[in-house]
Protein backbone atom coordinates (compact mmCIF):
# COMPACT_ATOMS: atom_id res chain seq x y z
CA MET A 1 -27.30 -38.33 28.83
CA LYS A 2 -26.69 -37.07 25.25
CA TYR A 3 -27.28 -33.49 26.30
CA LEU A 4 -24.89 -33.76 29.24
CA LEU A 5 -22.13 -35.09 26.95
CA LEU A 6 -22.83 -32.29 24.43
CA ILE A 7 -22.61 -29.67 27.19
CA VAL A 8 -19.29 -31.12 28.44
CA VAL A 9 -17.80 -31.18 24.91
CA LEU A 10 -18.94 -27.59 24.21
CA GLY A 11 -17.55 -26.47 27.56
CA LEU A 12 -14.18 -28.01 26.72
CA VAL A 13 -14.12 -26.34 23.28
CA PHE A 14 -14.99 -22.94 24.70
CA SER A 15 -12.43 -23.22 27.50
CA MET A 16 -9.68 -24.13 24.99
CA LEU A 17 -10.64 -21.14 22.82
CA ALA A 18 -10.62 -18.82 25.85
CA ARG A 19 -7.18 -20.06 26.91
CA LYS A 20 -5.80 -19.56 23.44
CA ARG A 21 -7.10 -15.99 23.27
CA SER A 22 -5.80 -15.07 26.73
CA ARG A 23 -2.20 -16.04 25.94
CA PRO A 24 0.12 -13.19 25.08
CA PRO A 25 1.02 -13.13 21.40
CA ALA A 26 4.26 -14.81 20.43
CA PRO A 27 7.06 -12.29 19.92
CA LYS A 28 7.60 -11.39 16.30
CA PRO A 29 11.05 -12.29 15.00
CA GLN A 30 13.06 -9.18 14.42
CA ALA A 31 14.54 -8.58 11.02
CA PRO A 32 18.32 -8.89 10.99
CA ALA A 33 20.12 -5.57 11.07
CA GLN A 34 21.13 -4.27 7.69
CA PRO A 35 24.86 -4.42 7.09
CA LYS A 36 26.60 -1.10 7.35
CA ALA A 37 27.49 0.50 4.03
CA LEU A 38 31.21 0.56 3.33
CA ASN A 39 33.02 3.69 2.21
CA MET A 40 34.70 2.66 -1.00
CA GLY A 41 37.73 4.03 -2.81
CA THR A 42 39.57 3.32 -6.05
CA CYS A 43 43.22 2.41 -6.39
CA GLU A 44 44.88 5.19 -8.38
CA GLN A 45 47.22 2.72 -10.06
CA CYS A 46 44.92 -0.09 -11.25
CA GLY A 47 41.36 1.19 -10.65
CA LEU A 48 40.39 -1.58 -8.23
CA HIS A 49 37.46 -0.63 -5.95
CA LEU A 50 38.15 -1.45 -2.32
CA PRO A 51 36.91 -0.44 1.15
CA LEU A 52 38.71 2.70 2.35
CA ASP A 53 39.52 1.05 5.69
CA GLU A 54 41.63 -1.52 3.74
CA ALA A 55 43.20 1.01 1.32
CA LEU A 56 46.68 2.36 1.72
CA PRO A 57 46.89 6.18 1.61
CA GLY A 58 49.59 7.77 -0.49
CA GLN A 59 50.49 10.87 -2.51
CA GLY A 60 47.78 11.24 -5.10
CA GLY A 61 45.11 9.02 -3.57
CA VAL A 62 44.57 5.56 -2.12
CA PHE A 63 46.04 2.28 -3.28
CA CYS A 64 45.27 -1.42 -3.05
CA SER A 65 48.87 -2.43 -2.27
CA SER A 66 52.18 -0.93 -1.29
CA ALA A 67 53.61 -1.96 -4.69
CA HIS A 68 50.94 0.06 -6.52
CA ARG A 69 51.51 3.00 -4.20
CA ALA A 70 55.28 2.91 -4.82
CA SER A 71 54.82 2.49 -8.58
CA TYR A 72 52.35 5.35 -8.82
CA GLU A 73 54.47 7.69 -6.73
CA LEU A 74 57.57 6.81 -8.75
CA GLU A 75 55.80 7.46 -12.09
CA HIS A 76 54.09 10.66 -10.99
CA GLY A 77 57.06 11.97 -8.98
CA LYS A 78 59.22 12.18 -12.14
CA HIS A 79 56.72 14.31 -14.08
CA SER A 80 56.12 16.89 -11.34
């Protein structure tokens, strides 16, 4: 009787191991995509670094605000 119980237990252990090995591996989590690098510019009036898609173009460069653009163009327009 002891040997029969031992054979049944060993059979269960081996069947569980075989099932575990036959399963497809779990999918690996993918690393999140790296954020895209921003093209940066510098406001000609104050030197603030800002993304170029948020900058305002003007004569002489890009600007962080319309006030800085107007101020820069007024100052540099007189000396030209």
